[in-house]
Amino acid sequence: MDMEVGDVEGLAAALNEISVGIADGSSVESAWAMLAYENADKHMDLISSCDCRFLHLSCCDEEIYGKFREVFPDMPLDMIDEEVMRSAPMKERWRKFGELFKHKVEDYNFGTLLRCNVEGEYDSPNTILGKSDTFVPKIQFLAIEIARNREGFNGRMRA
């Protein structure tokens, strides 16, 4: 995935809506956008080039995966429904889930990109980023992508 200037600018514009009230917000969202795209680019490279069943994204993948499937046993991984993810009950479940890893996963609540459709790349139509008042915390990304790895969904991306 190559980042285009327009992609970064579009992402920065979306992040600007979130950063209202932050001093020098344009610098904040631009830096956040660049880091989010860099991480997405690295993740796409990884899942496109290796057997994802053996890929580790954190120091505690097994614990994250086990707890994820305990808390979200029926969550589909092939297509993430953004409206469901942004619902108040789901936000609360994810908040509680995230707190379990507060001291185990560095930057566990840092905003990041998440692909909605497991077969797609990281682009504007296929990411949950920061629409309205929500964003995808790193622990949520890790839980979903680790599950996609373990359950064979990300194997479809391998070239």
C-alpha atoms as a PDB file:
ATOM      1  CA  MET A   1       0.000   0.000   0.000  1.00  0.00           C
ATOM      2  CA  ASP A   2       1.516   3.307  -1.031  1.00  0.00           C
ATOM      3  CA  MET A   3       0.333   6.419   0.742  1.00  0.00           C
ATOM      4  CA  GLU A   4      -0.838   9.193  -1.484  1.00  0.00           C
ATOM      5  CA  VAL A   5      -0.837  12.824  -0.404  1.00  0.00           C
ATOM      6  CA  GLY A   6      -4.610  12.944  -0.873  1.00  0.00           C
ATOM      7  CA  ASP A   7      -5.073   9.952   1.442  1.00  0.00           C
ATOM      8  CA  VAL A   8      -3.096  11.632   4.206  1.00  0.00           C
ATOM      9  CA  GLU A   9      -4.922  14.920   3.701  1.00  0.00           C
ATOM     10  CA  GLY A  10      -8.290  13.146   3.775  1.00  0.00           C
ATOM     11  CA  LEU A  11      -7.338  11.313   6.923  1.00  0.00           C
ATOM     12  CA  ALA A  12      -6.066  14.531   8.469  1.00  0.00           C
ATOM     13  CA  ALA A  13      -9.389  16.228   7.695  1.00  0.00           C
ATOM     14  CA  ALA A  14     -11.288  13.416   9.435  1.00  0.00           C
ATOM     15  CA  LEU A  15      -9.012  13.614  12.449  1.00  0.00           C
ATOM     16  CA  ASN A  16      -9.410  17.391  12.578  1.00  0.00           C
ATOM     17  CA  GLU A  17     -13.075  16.910  13.475  1.00  0.00           C
ATOM     18  CA  ILE A  18     -12.008  14.865  16.506  1.00  0.00           C
ATOM     19  CA  SER A  19      -9.319  17.241  17.658  1.00  0.00           C
ATOM     20  CA  VAL A  20     -11.575  20.290  18.069  1.00  0.00           C
ATOM     21  CA  GLY A  21     -10.469  22.102  21.176  1.00  0.00           C
ATOM     22  CA  ILE A  22      -6.894  20.826  21.064  1.00  0.00           C
ATOM     23  CA  ALA A  23      -4.273  23.542  20.715  1.00  0.00           C
ATOM     24  CA  ASP A  24      -2.705  23.508  17.264  1.00  0.00           C
ATOM     25  CA  GLY A  25      -5.045  20.714  16.189  1.00  0.00           C
ATOM     26  CA  SER A  26      -3.762  20.600  12.606  1.00  0.00           C
ATOM     27  CA  SER A  27      -0.345  19.420  13.784  1.00  0.00           C
ATOM     28  CA  VAL A  28      -1.904  16.803  16.035  1.00  0.00           C
ATOM     29  CA  GLU A  29      -4.134  15.230  13.421  1.00  0.00           C
ATOM     30  CA  SER A  30      -1.448  15.336  10.741  1.00  0.00           C
ATOM     31  CA  ALA A  31       0.990  13.500  12.996  1.00  0.00           C
ATOM     32  CA  TRP A  32      -1.713  11.036  14.007  1.00  0.00           C
ATOM     33  CA  ALA A  33      -2.703  10.476  10.384  1.00  0.00           C
ATOM     34  CA  MET A  34       0.880   9.812   9.331  1.00  0.00           C
ATOM     35  CA  LEU A  35       1.473   7.357  12.168  1.00  0.00           C
ATOM     36  CA  ALA A  36      -1.844   5.597  11.530  1.00  0.00           C
ATOM     37  CA  TYR A  37      -1.033   5.195   7.848  1.00  0.00           C
ATOM     38  CA  GLU A  38       2.525   4.030   8.575  1.00  0.00           C
ATOM     39  CA  ASN A  39       1.187   1.373  10.939  1.00  0.00           C
ATOM     40  CA  ALA A  40      -1.490   0.330   8.441  1.00  0.00           C
ATOM     41  CA  ASP A  41       1.130   0.080   5.704  1.00  0.00           C
ATOM     42  CA  LYS A  42       3.359  -2.134   7.870  1.00  0.00           C
ATOM     43  CA  HIS A  43       0.412  -4.315   8.856  1.00  0.00           C
ATOM     44  CA  MET A  44      -0.676  -4.754   5.230  1.00  0.00           C
ATOM     45  CA  ASP A  45       2.888  -5.714   4.253  1.00  0.00           C
ATOM     46  CA  LEU A  46       2.978  -8.297   7.048  1.00  0.00           C
ATOM     47  CA  ILE A  47      -0.322  -9.995   6.298  1.00  0.00           C
ATOM     48  CA  SER A  48       0.417 -10.004   2.574  1.00  0.00           C
ATOM     49  CA  SER A  49       3.766 -11.735   2.939  1.00  0.00           C
ATOM     50  CA  CYS A  50       3.581 -14.384   5.661  1.00  0.00           C
ATOM     51  CA  ASP A  51       1.478 -17.191   7.065  1.00  0.00           C
ATOM     52  CA  CYS A  52      -0.677 -15.133   9.413  1.00  0.00           C
ATOM     53  CA  ARG A  53      -1.571 -18.093  11.608  1.00  0.00           C
ATOM     54  CA  PHE A  54       1.934 -17.780  13.082  1.00  0.00           C
ATOM     55  CA  LEU A  55       2.136 -13.990  13.111  1.00  0.00           C
ATOM     56  CA  HIS A  56       2.360 -12.266  16.496  1.00  0.00           C
ATOM     57  CA  LEU A  57       1.274  -8.646  16.793  1.00  0.00           C
ATOM     58  CA  SER A  58       1.973  -8.189  20.514  1.00  0.00           C
ATOM     59  CA  CYS A  59       3.673  -9.801  23.475  1.00  0.00           C
ATOM     60  CA  CYS A  60       0.353 -11.182  24.703  1.00  0.00           C
ATOM     61  CA  ASP A  61      -1.478 -12.335  21.559  1.00  0.00           C
ATOM     62  CA  GLU A  62      -2.783 -15.525  23.167  1.00  0.00           C
ATOM     63  CA  GLU A  63      -4.225 -13.675  26.150  1.00  0.00           C
ATOM     64  CA  ILE A  64      -5.793 -11.002  23.927  1.00  0.00           C
ATOM     65  CA  TYR A  65      -7.302 -13.617  21.612  1.00  0.00           C
ATOM     66  CA  GLY A  66      -8.640 -15.751  24.471  1.00  0.00           C
ATOM     67  CA  LYS A  67     -10.266 -12.816  26.226  1.00  0.00           C
ATOM     68  CA  PHE A  68     -11.597 -11.437  22.911  1.00  0.00           C
ATOM     69  CA  ARG A  69     -13.412 -14.679  22.113  1.00  0.00           C
ATOM     70  CA  GLU A  70     -14.658 -14.902  25.697  1.00  0.00           C
ATOM     71  CA  VAL A  71     -16.122 -11.384  25.602  1.00  0.00           C
ATOM     72  CA  PHE A  72     -17.106 -11.352  21.900  1.00  0.00           C
ATOM     73  CA  PRO A  73     -17.751 -15.050  21.064  1.00  0.00           C
ATOM     74  CA  ASP A  74     -19.948 -14.411  18.026  1.00  0.00           C
ATOM     75  CA  MET A  75     -18.344 -11.305  16.578  1.00  0.00           C
ATOM     76  CA  PRO A  76     -17.923 -11.737  12.822  1.00  0.00           C
ATOM     77  CA  LEU A  77     -14.438 -10.978  11.548  1.00  0.00           C
ATOM     78  CA  ASP A  78     -14.931 -10.932   7.799  1.00  0.00           C
ATOM     79  CA  MET A  79     -16.968  -7.720   7.772  1.00  0.00           C
ATOM     80  CA  ILE A  80     -17.009  -5.327  10.717  1.00  0.00           C
ATOM     81  CA  ASP A  81     -20.256  -3.371  10.981  1.00  0.00           C
ATOM     82  CA  GLU A  82     -19.258   0.165  11.901  1.00  0.00           C
ATOM     83  CA  GLU A  83     -22.714   1.075  13.206  1.00  0.00           C
ATOM     84  CA  VAL A  84     -22.706  -1.896  15.575  1.00  0.00           C
ATOM     85  CA  MET A  85     -19.174  -1.036  16.716  1.00  0.00           C
ATOM     86  CA  ARG A  86     -20.231   2.544  17.490  1.00  0.00           C
ATOM     87  CA  SER A  87     -23.351   1.568  19.436  1.00  0.00           C
ATOM     88  CA  ALA A  88     -23.366   2.510  23.122  1.00  0.00           C
ATOM     89  CA  PRO A  89     -23.506  -1.100  24.411  1.00  0.00           C
ATOM     90  CA  MET A  90     -20.633  -2.186  22.159  1.00  0.00           C
ATOM     91  CA  LYS A  91     -18.528   0.843  23.100  1.00  0.00           C
ATOM     92  CA  GLU A  92     -18.960  -0.070  26.758  1.00  0.00           C
ATOM     93  CA  ARG A  93     -17.972  -3.713  26.155  1.00  0.00           C
ATOM     94  CA  TRP A  94     -14.875  -2.587  24.269  1.00  0.00           C
ATOM     95  CA  ARG A  95     -13.997  -0.057  26.964  1.00  0.00           C
ATOM     96  CA  LYS A  96     -14.080  -2.762  29.635  1.00  0.00           C
ATOM     97  CA  PHE A  97     -12.108  -5.110  27.375  1.00  0.00           C
ATOM     98  CA  GLY A  98      -9.461  -2.456  26.785  1.00  0.00           C
ATOM     99  CA  GLU A  99      -9.035  -1.763  30.486  1.00  0.00           C
ATOM    100  CA  LEU A 100      -7.975  -5.402  30.963  1.00  0.00           C
ATOM    101  CA  PHE A 101      -4.858  -4.644  28.922  1.00  0.00           C
ATOM    102  CA  LYS A 102      -4.144  -1.147  30.188  1.00  0.00           C
ATOM    103  CA  HIS A 103      -0.894  -2.215  31.865  1.00  0.00           C
ATOM    104  CA  LYS A 104       0.021  -4.959  29.386  1.00  0.00           C
ATOM    105  CA  VAL A 105      -0.197  -3.321  25.958  1.00  0.00           C
ATOM    106  CA  GLU A 106       1.728  -0.119  25.371  1.00  0.00           C
ATOM    107  CA  ASP A 107      -0.486   2.670  24.013  1.00  0.00           C
ATOM    108  CA  TYR A 108      -3.484   0.308  24.313  1.00  0.00           C
ATOM    109  CA  ASN A 109      -5.926   3.149  23.648  1.00  0.00           C
ATOM    110  CA  PHE A 110      -4.008   4.950  20.875  1.00  0.00           C
ATOM    111  CA  GLY A 111      -6.290   5.589  17.891  1.00  0.00           C
ATOM    112  CA  THR A 112      -5.607   3.409  14.881  1.00  0.00           C
ATOM    113  CA  LEU A 113      -7.088   2.238  11.598  1.00  0.00           C
ATOM    114  CA  LEU A 114      -9.083  -0.982  11.287  1.00  0.00           C
ATOM    115  CA  ARG A 115     -10.179  -2.623   8.044  1.00  0.00           C
ATOM    116  CA  CYS A 116     -13.934  -3.223   7.951  1.00  0.00           C
ATOM    117  CA  ASN A 117     -13.744  -5.813   5.167  1.00  0.00           C
ATOM    118  CA  VAL A 118     -11.020  -8.361   5.841  1.00  0.00           C
ATOM    119  CA  GLU A 119     -10.434  -8.787   2.103  1.00  0.00           C
ATOM    120  CA  GLY A 120      -9.811  -5.086   1.510  1.00  0.00           C
ATOM    121  CA  GLU A 121      -6.876  -2.790   2.020  1.00  0.00           C
ATOM    122  CA  TYR A 122      -6.514   0.238   4.247  1.00  0.00           C
ATOM    123  CA  ASP A 123      -8.340   2.971   2.357  1.00  0.00           C
ATOM    124  CA  SER A 124     -11.061   5.468   3.218  1.00  0.00           C
ATOM    125  CA  PRO A 125     -14.056   3.291   2.295  1.00  0.00           C
ATOM    126  CA  ASN A 126     -12.676   0.268   4.196  1.00  0.00           C
ATOM    127  CA  THR A 127     -11.520   1.722   7.503  1.00  0.00           C
ATOM    128  CA  ILE A 128     -13.074   2.683  10.771  1.00  0.00           C
ATOM    129  CA  LEU A 129     -11.139   5.716  11.827  1.00  0.00           C
ATOM    130  CA  GLY A 130     -12.663   8.419  13.834  1.00  0.00           C
ATOM    131  CA  LYS A 131     -16.037   9.288  12.513  1.00  0.00           C
ATOM    132  CA  SER A 132     -18.263  11.121  14.953  1.00  0.00           C
ATOM    133  CA  ASP A 133     -16.934  10.842  18.463  1.00  0.00           C
ATOM    134  CA  THR A 134     -15.319   7.431  18.285  1.00  0.00           C
ATOM    135  CA  PHE A 135     -12.042   5.913  17.153  1.00  0.00           C
ATOM    136  CA  VAL A 136     -10.579   2.421  17.193  1.00  0.00           C
ATOM    137  CA  PRO A 137      -8.169   1.938  20.081  1.00  0.00           C
ATOM    138  CA  LYS A 138      -5.034  -0.117  19.494  1.00  0.00           C
ATOM    139  CA  ILE A 139      -6.312  -2.950  21.735  1.00  0.00           C
ATOM    140  CA  GLN A 140      -9.435  -3.246  19.577  1.00  0.00           C
ATOM    141  CA  PHE A 141      -7.308  -3.416  16.429  1.00  0.00           C
ATOM    142  CA  LEU A 142      -5.070  -6.045  18.057  1.00  0.00           C
ATOM    143  CA  ALA A 143      -7.989  -8.183  19.246  1.00  0.00           C
ATOM    144  CA  ILE A 144      -9.700  -8.219  15.860  1.00  0.00           C
ATOM    145  CA  GLU A 145      -6.553  -8.667  13.769  1.00  0.00           C
ATOM    146  CA  ILE A 146      -5.133 -11.375  16.068  1.00  0.00           C
ATOM    147  CA  ALA A 147      -8.465 -13.219  15.772  1.00  0.00           C
ATOM    148  CA  ARG A 148      -8.406 -12.773  11.994  1.00  0.00           C
ATOM    149  CA  ASN A 149      -4.910 -14.287  11.978  1.00  0.00           C
ATOM    150  CA  ARG A 150      -5.780 -17.234  14.236  1.00  0.00           C
ATOM    151  CA  GLU A 151      -9.017 -18.006  12.419  1.00  0.00           C
ATOM    152  CA  GLY A 152      -7.505 -17.839   8.932  1.00  0.00           C
ATOM    153  CA  PHE A 153      -9.194 -14.705   7.629  1.00  0.00           C
ATOM    154  CA  ASN A 154      -5.971 -12.791   6.955  1.00  0.00           C
ATOM    155  CA  GLY A 155      -4.518 -15.718   5.023  1.00  0.00           C
ATOM    156  CA  ARG A 156      -6.574 -14.537   2.060  1.00  0.00           C
ATOM    157  CA  MET A 157      -4.364 -11.452   1.750  1.00  0.00           C
ATOM    158  CA  ARG A 158      -1.171 -13.425   1.173  1.00  0.00           C
ATOM    159  CA  ALA A 159       0.229 -12.862  -2.297  1.00  0.00           C
END
